Amino acid sequence: MTLVSHSQAGEIANHFAQDYPKMPSGAVLIDANLPQFFTDQEIPRLVAAPQPEVAVDLLTSIGALLRRVRQAPVEGGLTMPERAALSQLERTGPTTSSALARLEQITAQAMGATLGGLQSRGLVERSADPKDGRRILLALTDAGRQALADKRGARSEQIARVLADHFTPREREQLAAAAPLLDRLAQRI
């Protein structure tokens, strides 16, 4: 078991170690930058929360957020699959359609249809692979980068408005602190 403790987080680590001394299969990682999560009232609940319940709570919350973000109208003209393909191309650089399909966990046919639409609008371009002329690489165009930036900007503004109007400064700090943890979770799945 890995216990990282700091301030009140140490209380959680100590409590967990005392109550579960023979539980080497788990890990409790405590981020010292999140002390607002570790109030005296929250410590027993956090320590007692079984991992499957935490996983279910996260899946439920993140799923609801994603559904709402996808459903909410926003300017930008990109569908979710188009945005995902452009984002992958931005992160990975030129790659094949089949590689993008694997990264996005969709069929090659679905990715091909998505990329065809993006290419017809000038957002991606195809070229022969310089290492293997039989393969076709797809790359983001400047227009594709701009479309992605516009879409992100519109979504970010929409979420920023909701955060400003409906969340306290402390809640916004908590969400900001959780963002890197959620990103790390997404990369490990």
C-alpha atoms as a PDB file:
ATOM      1  CA  MET A   1       0.000   0.000   0.000  1.00  0.00           C
ATOM      2  CA  THR A   2       1.274   3.458  -0.830  1.00  0.00           C
ATOM      3  CA  LEU A   3       0.339   6.189   1.590  1.00  0.00           C
ATOM      4  CA  VAL A   4       1.267   9.777   0.866  1.00  0.00           C
ATOM      5  CA  SER A   5       0.324  11.998   3.731  1.00  0.00           C
ATOM      6  CA  HIS A   6       0.303  15.716   4.410  1.00  0.00           C
ATOM      7  CA  SER A   7      -1.628  17.785   6.990  1.00  0.00           C
ATOM      8  CA  GLN A   8      -5.149  16.363   7.386  1.00  0.00           C
ATOM      9  CA  ALA A   9      -4.438  13.932   4.572  1.00  0.00           C
ATOM     10  CA  GLY A  10      -2.082  12.260   7.057  1.00  0.00           C
ATOM     11  CA  GLU A  11      -5.057  11.522   9.277  1.00  0.00           C
ATOM     12  CA  ILE A  12      -6.705   9.676   6.404  1.00  0.00           C
ATOM     13  CA  ALA A  13      -3.546   7.718   5.697  1.00  0.00           C
ATOM     14  CA  ASN A  14      -3.062   6.814   9.358  1.00  0.00           C
ATOM     15  CA  HIS A  15      -6.713   5.874   9.834  1.00  0.00           C
ATOM     16  CA  PHE A  16      -6.629   3.702   6.713  1.00  0.00           C
ATOM     17  CA  ALA A  17      -3.378   2.004   7.753  1.00  0.00           C
ATOM     18  CA  GLN A  18      -4.747   1.256  11.223  1.00  0.00           C
ATOM     19  CA  ASP A  19      -8.067  -0.122   9.990  1.00  0.00           C
ATOM     20  CA  TYR A  20      -6.638  -2.082   7.044  1.00  0.00           C
ATOM     21  CA  PRO A  21      -3.097  -3.152   7.990  1.00  0.00           C
ATOM     22  CA  LYS A  22      -3.156  -6.280   5.792  1.00  0.00           C
ATOM     23  CA  MET A  23      -4.460  -4.718   2.616  1.00  0.00           C
ATOM     24  CA  PRO A  24      -1.408  -4.511   0.335  1.00  0.00           C
ATOM     25  CA  SER A  25      -3.402  -4.649  -2.896  1.00  0.00           C
ATOM     26  CA  GLY A  26      -4.646  -1.058  -2.787  1.00  0.00           C
ATOM     27  CA  ALA A  27      -3.220   2.391  -2.911  1.00  0.00           C
ATOM     28  CA  VAL A  28      -4.335   5.606  -1.299  1.00  0.00           C
ATOM     29  CA  LEU A  29      -2.816   8.607  -2.995  1.00  0.00           C
ATOM     30  CA  ILE A  30      -3.443  11.839  -1.187  1.00  0.00           C
ATOM     31  CA  ASP A  31      -2.699  15.105  -2.950  1.00  0.00           C
ATOM     32  CA  ALA A  32      -1.618  17.746  -0.462  1.00  0.00           C
ATOM     33  CA  ASN A  33      -3.083  20.417  -2.720  1.00  0.00           C
ATOM     34  CA  LEU A  34      -6.631  19.215  -1.981  1.00  0.00           C
ATOM     35  CA  PRO A  35      -7.041  19.911   1.760  1.00  0.00           C
ATOM     36  CA  GLN A  36     -10.585  21.224   1.244  1.00  0.00           C
ATOM     37  CA  PHE A  37     -11.666  17.657   0.443  1.00  0.00           C
ATOM     38  CA  PHE A  38     -10.381  16.415   3.795  1.00  0.00           C
ATOM     39  CA  THR A  39     -12.565  18.062   6.407  1.00  0.00           C
ATOM     40  CA  ASP A  40     -13.008  16.330   9.732  1.00  0.00           C
ATOM     41  CA  GLN A  41     -16.466  15.234   8.579  1.00  0.00           C
ATOM     42  CA  GLU A  42     -15.198  13.903   5.222  1.00  0.00           C
ATOM     43  CA  ILE A  43     -12.188  11.887   6.493  1.00  0.00           C
ATOM     44  CA  PRO A  44     -14.185   8.871   7.769  1.00  0.00           C
ATOM     45  CA  ARG A  45     -16.327   8.836   4.608  1.00  0.00           C
ATOM     46  CA  LEU A  46     -13.299   9.037   2.299  1.00  0.00           C
ATOM     47  CA  VAL A  47     -11.468   6.282   4.105  1.00  0.00           C
ATOM     48  CA  ALA A  48     -14.538   4.050   4.264  1.00  0.00           C
ATOM     49  CA  ALA A  49     -15.506   4.451   0.591  1.00  0.00           C
ATOM     50  CA  PRO A  50     -14.944   1.146  -1.176  1.00  0.00           C
ATOM     51  CA  GLN A  51     -13.091   1.503  -4.474  1.00  0.00           C
ATOM     52  CA  PRO A  52     -15.952   0.042  -6.550  1.00  0.00           C
ATOM     53  CA  GLU A  53     -18.312   2.702  -5.172  1.00  0.00           C
ATOM     54  CA  VAL A  54     -15.830   5.447  -6.027  1.00  0.00           C
ATOM     55  CA  ALA A  55     -15.534   4.023  -9.539  1.00  0.00           C
ATOM     56  CA  VAL A  56     -19.318   3.936  -9.957  1.00  0.00           C
ATOM     57  CA  ASP A  57     -19.661   7.496  -8.649  1.00  0.00           C
ATOM     58  CA  LEU A  58     -16.965   8.725 -11.033  1.00  0.00           C
ATOM     59  CA  LEU A  59     -18.477   6.919 -14.033  1.00  0.00           C
ATOM     60  CA  THR A  60     -21.916   8.290 -13.239  1.00  0.00           C
ATOM     61  CA  SER A  61     -20.732  11.868 -12.751  1.00  0.00           C
ATOM     62  CA  ILE A  62     -18.356  11.962 -15.702  1.00  0.00           C
ATOM     63  CA  GLY A  63     -20.920  10.245 -17.938  1.00  0.00           C
ATOM     64  CA  ALA A  64     -23.557  12.826 -17.048  1.00  0.00           C
ATOM     65  CA  LEU A  65     -21.125  15.679 -17.676  1.00  0.00           C
ATOM     66  CA  LEU A  66     -20.106  14.282 -21.070  1.00  0.00           C
ATOM     67  CA  ARG A  67     -23.718  13.743 -22.129  1.00  0.00           C
ATOM     68  CA  ARG A  68     -24.621  17.302 -21.172  1.00  0.00           C
ATOM     69  CA  VAL A  69     -21.593  18.783 -22.919  1.00  0.00           C
ATOM     70  CA  ARG A  70     -22.381  16.791 -26.067  1.00  0.00           C
ATOM     71  CA  GLN A  71     -26.063  17.780 -26.014  1.00  0.00           C
ATOM     72  CA  ALA A  72     -25.614  21.466 -25.297  1.00  0.00           C
ATOM     73  CA  PRO A  73     -25.595  23.496 -28.496  1.00  0.00           C
ATOM     74  CA  VAL A  74     -22.396  25.389 -29.157  1.00  0.00           C
ATOM     75  CA  GLU A  75     -20.918  27.152 -32.148  1.00  0.00           C
ATOM     76  CA  GLY A  76     -18.048  25.462 -33.918  1.00  0.00           C
ATOM     77  CA  GLY A  77     -19.575  23.103 -36.454  1.00  0.00           C
ATOM     78  CA  LEU A  78     -17.773  19.924 -35.351  1.00  0.00           C
ATOM     79  CA  THR A  79     -19.474  16.745 -34.236  1.00  0.00           C
ATOM     80  CA  MET A  80     -18.050  14.855 -31.276  1.00  0.00           C
ATOM     81  CA  PRO A  81     -16.376  12.205 -33.505  1.00  0.00           C
ATOM     82  CA  GLU A  82     -14.893  14.937 -35.703  1.00  0.00           C
ATOM     83  CA  ARG A  83     -13.529  16.798 -32.707  1.00  0.00           C
ATOM     84  CA  ALA A  84     -12.081  13.576 -31.302  1.00  0.00           C
ATOM     85  CA  ALA A  85     -10.335  12.751 -34.594  1.00  0.00           C
ATOM     86  CA  LEU A  86      -8.912  16.262 -34.930  1.00  0.00           C
ATOM     87  CA  SER A  87      -7.762  16.231 -31.299  1.00  0.00           C
ATOM     88  CA  GLN A  88      -5.967  12.906 -31.806  1.00  0.00           C
ATOM     89  CA  LEU A  89      -4.267  14.216 -34.944  1.00  0.00           C
ATOM     90  CA  GLU A  90      -3.200  17.298 -33.020  1.00  0.00           C
ATOM     91  CA  ARG A  91      -1.723  15.163 -30.232  1.00  0.00           C
ATOM     92  CA  THR A  92      -0.149  12.383 -32.295  1.00  0.00           C
ATOM     93  CA  GLY A  93       0.716  14.150 -35.536  1.00  0.00           C
ATOM     94  CA  PRO A  94       0.219  12.528 -38.935  1.00  0.00           C
ATOM     95  CA  THR A  95      -1.065   8.972 -38.683  1.00  0.00           C
ATOM     96  CA  THR A  96      -3.219   6.427 -40.449  1.00  0.00           C
ATOM     97  CA  SER A  97      -6.983   6.130 -40.350  1.00  0.00           C
ATOM     98  CA  SER A  98      -6.741   2.683 -38.740  1.00  0.00           C
ATOM     99  CA  ALA A  99      -4.420   3.989 -36.018  1.00  0.00           C
ATOM    100  CA  LEU A 100      -6.888   6.785 -35.251  1.00  0.00           C
ATOM    101  CA  ALA A 101      -9.729   4.264 -35.110  1.00  0.00           C
ATOM    102  CA  ARG A 102      -7.788   2.185 -32.582  1.00  0.00           C
ATOM    103  CA  LEU A 103      -6.999   5.245 -30.457  1.00  0.00           C
ATOM    104  CA  GLU A 104     -10.651   6.311 -30.448  1.00  0.00           C
ATOM    105  CA  GLN A 105     -11.885   2.731 -30.025  1.00  0.00           C
ATOM    106  CA  ILE A 106     -14.243   2.858 -33.000  1.00  0.00           C
ATOM    107  CA  THR A 107     -14.420   0.863 -36.207  1.00  0.00           C
ATOM    108  CA  ALA A 108     -12.154   1.687 -39.118  1.00  0.00           C
ATOM    109  CA  GLN A 109     -15.268   2.288 -41.248  1.00  0.00           C
ATOM    110  CA  ALA A 110     -16.666   4.855 -38.800  1.00  0.00           C
ATOM    111  CA  MET A 111     -13.306   6.637 -38.642  1.00  0.00           C
ATOM    112  CA  GLY A 112     -13.061   6.579 -42.439  1.00  0.00           C
ATOM    113  CA  ALA A 113     -16.462   8.260 -42.757  1.00  0.00           C
ATOM    114  CA  THR A 114     -15.507  10.886 -40.173  1.00  0.00           C
ATOM    115  CA  LEU A 115     -12.178  11.609 -41.866  1.00  0.00           C
ATOM    116  CA  GLY A 116     -13.824  11.779 -45.297  1.00  0.00           C
ATOM    117  CA  GLY A 117     -16.085  14.560 -44.065  1.00  0.00           C
ATOM    118  CA  LEU A 118     -13.169  16.389 -42.465  1.00  0.00           C
ATOM    119  CA  GLN A 119     -11.103  16.089 -45.638  1.00  0.00           C
ATOM    120  CA  SER A 120     -13.919  17.392 -47.847  1.00  0.00           C
ATOM    121  CA  ARG A 121     -14.074  20.508 -45.631  1.00  0.00           C
ATOM    122  CA  GLY A 122     -10.297  20.961 -45.775  1.00  0.00           C
ATOM    123  CA  LEU A 123      -9.709  20.187 -42.085  1.00  0.00           C
ATOM    124  CA  VAL A 124      -7.433  17.191 -42.690  1.00  0.00           C
ATOM    125  CA  GLU A 125      -5.214  16.265 -45.607  1.00  0.00           C
ATOM    126  CA  ARG A 126      -3.985  12.930 -46.890  1.00  0.00           C
ATOM    127  CA  SER A 127      -0.478  12.195 -48.091  1.00  0.00           C
ATOM    128  CA  ALA A 128       1.654   9.163 -48.835  1.00  0.00           C
ATOM    129  CA  ASP A 129       3.739   7.866 -45.942  1.00  0.00           C
ATOM    130  CA  PRO A 130       7.365   8.775 -46.775  1.00  0.00           C
ATOM    131  CA  LYS A 131       8.527   5.511 -45.165  1.00  0.00           C
ATOM    132  CA  ASP A 132       5.947   3.311 -46.912  1.00  0.00           C
ATOM    133  CA  GLY A 133       4.306   4.755 -50.020  1.00  0.00           C
ATOM    134  CA  ARG A 134       1.478   2.219 -49.789  1.00  0.00           C
ATOM    135  CA  ARG A 135       0.177   3.783 -46.565  1.00  0.00           C
ATOM    136  CA  ILE A 136      -1.791   7.006 -46.415  1.00  0.00           C
ATOM    137  CA  LEU A 137      -1.158   9.421 -43.558  1.00  0.00           C
ATOM    138  CA  LEU A 138      -3.681  11.972 -42.367  1.00  0.00           C
ATOM    139  CA  ALA A 139      -2.614  15.299 -40.930  1.00  0.00           C
ATOM    140  CA  LEU A 140      -4.345  18.301 -39.466  1.00  0.00           C
ATOM    141  CA  THR A 141      -4.486  21.358 -41.726  1.00  0.00           C
ATOM    142  CA  ASP A 142      -4.314  24.940 -40.475  1.00  0.00           C
ATOM    143  CA  ALA A 143      -8.078  25.152 -41.006  1.00  0.00           C
ATOM    144  CA  GLY A 144      -8.462  21.989 -38.913  1.00  0.00           C
ATOM    145  CA  ARG A 145      -6.404  23.500 -36.102  1.00  0.00           C
ATOM    146  CA  GLN A 146      -8.525  26.634 -36.210  1.00  0.00           C
ATOM    147  CA  ALA A 147     -11.810  24.667 -36.193  1.00  0.00           C
ATOM    148  CA  LEU A 148     -10.579  22.701 -33.189  1.00  0.00           C
ATOM    149  CA  ALA A 149      -9.516  25.871 -31.373  1.00  0.00           C
ATOM    150  CA  ASP A 150     -12.886  27.496 -32.117  1.00  0.00           C
ATOM    151  CA  LYS A 151     -14.785  24.468 -30.815  1.00  0.00           C
ATOM    152  CA  ARG A 152     -12.657  24.276 -27.673  1.00  0.00           C
ATOM    153  CA  GLY A 153     -13.026  27.983 -27.092  1.00  0.00           C
ATOM    154  CA  ALA A 154     -16.815  27.828 -27.375  1.00  0.00           C
ATOM    155  CA  ARG A 155     -17.059  24.816 -25.031  1.00  0.00           C
ATOM    156  CA  SER A 156     -14.623  26.374 -22.578  1.00  0.00           C
ATOM    157  CA  GLU A 157     -16.589  29.620 -22.522  1.00  0.00           C
ATOM    158  CA  GLN A 158     -19.812  27.700 -21.968  1.00  0.00           C
ATOM    159  CA  ILE A 159     -18.361  25.742 -19.041  1.00  0.00           C
ATOM    160  CA  ALA A 160     -16.643  28.850 -17.631  1.00  0.00           C
ATOM    161  CA  ARG A 161     -19.996  30.677 -17.574  1.00  0.00           C
ATOM    162  CA  VAL A 162     -21.636  27.813 -15.673  1.00  0.00           C
ATOM    163  CA  LEU A 163     -18.727  27.640 -13.224  1.00  0.00           C
ATOM    164  CA  ALA A 164     -18.851  31.401 -12.610  1.00  0.00           C
ATOM    165  CA  ASP A 165     -22.620  31.509 -12.213  1.00  0.00           C
ATOM    166  CA  HIS A 166     -23.283  28.347 -10.203  1.00  0.00           C
ATOM    167  CA  PHE A 167     -20.135  27.372  -8.275  1.00  0.00           C
ATOM    168  CA  THR A 168     -18.387  28.966  -5.320  1.00  0.00           C
ATOM    169  CA  PRO A 169     -14.698  29.896  -5.546  1.00  0.00           C
ATOM    170  CA  ARG A 170     -13.901  26.947  -3.273  1.00  0.00           C
ATOM    171  CA  GLU A 171     -15.826  24.549  -5.536  1.00  0.00           C
ATOM    172  CA  ARG A 172     -13.999  25.907  -8.587  1.00  0.00           C
ATOM    173  CA  GLU A 173     -10.681  25.292  -6.804  1.00  0.00           C
ATOM    174  CA  GLN A 174     -11.742  21.719  -6.049  1.00  0.00           C
ATOM    175  CA  LEU A 175     -12.673  21.102  -9.681  1.00  0.00           C
ATOM    176  CA  ALA A 176      -9.397  22.623 -10.886  1.00  0.00           C
ATOM    177  CA  ALA A 177      -7.445  20.391  -8.502  1.00  0.00           C
ATOM    178  CA  ALA A 178      -9.366  17.295  -9.652  1.00  0.00           C
ATOM    179  CA  ALA A 179      -8.808  17.921 -13.381  1.00  0.00           C
ATOM    180  CA  PRO A 180      -5.251  16.482 -13.545  1.00  0.00           C
ATOM    181  CA  LEU A 181      -6.344  13.447 -11.542  1.00  0.00           C
ATOM    182  CA  LEU A 182      -9.206  12.778 -13.948  1.00  0.00           C
ATOM    183  CA  ASP A 183      -6.834  13.172 -16.884  1.00  0.00           C
ATOM    184  CA  ARG A 184      -4.446  10.667 -15.324  1.00  0.00           C
ATOM    185  CA  LEU A 185      -7.328   8.263 -14.715  1.00  0.00           C
ATOM    186  CA  ALA A 186      -8.412   8.582 -18.357  1.00  0.00           C
ATOM    187  CA  GLN A 187      -4.899   7.824 -19.570  1.00  0.00           C
ATOM    188  CA  ARG A 188      -4.624   4.709 -17.407  1.00  0.00           C
ATOM    189  CA  ILE A 189      -7.870   3.093 -18.578  1.00  0.00           C
END
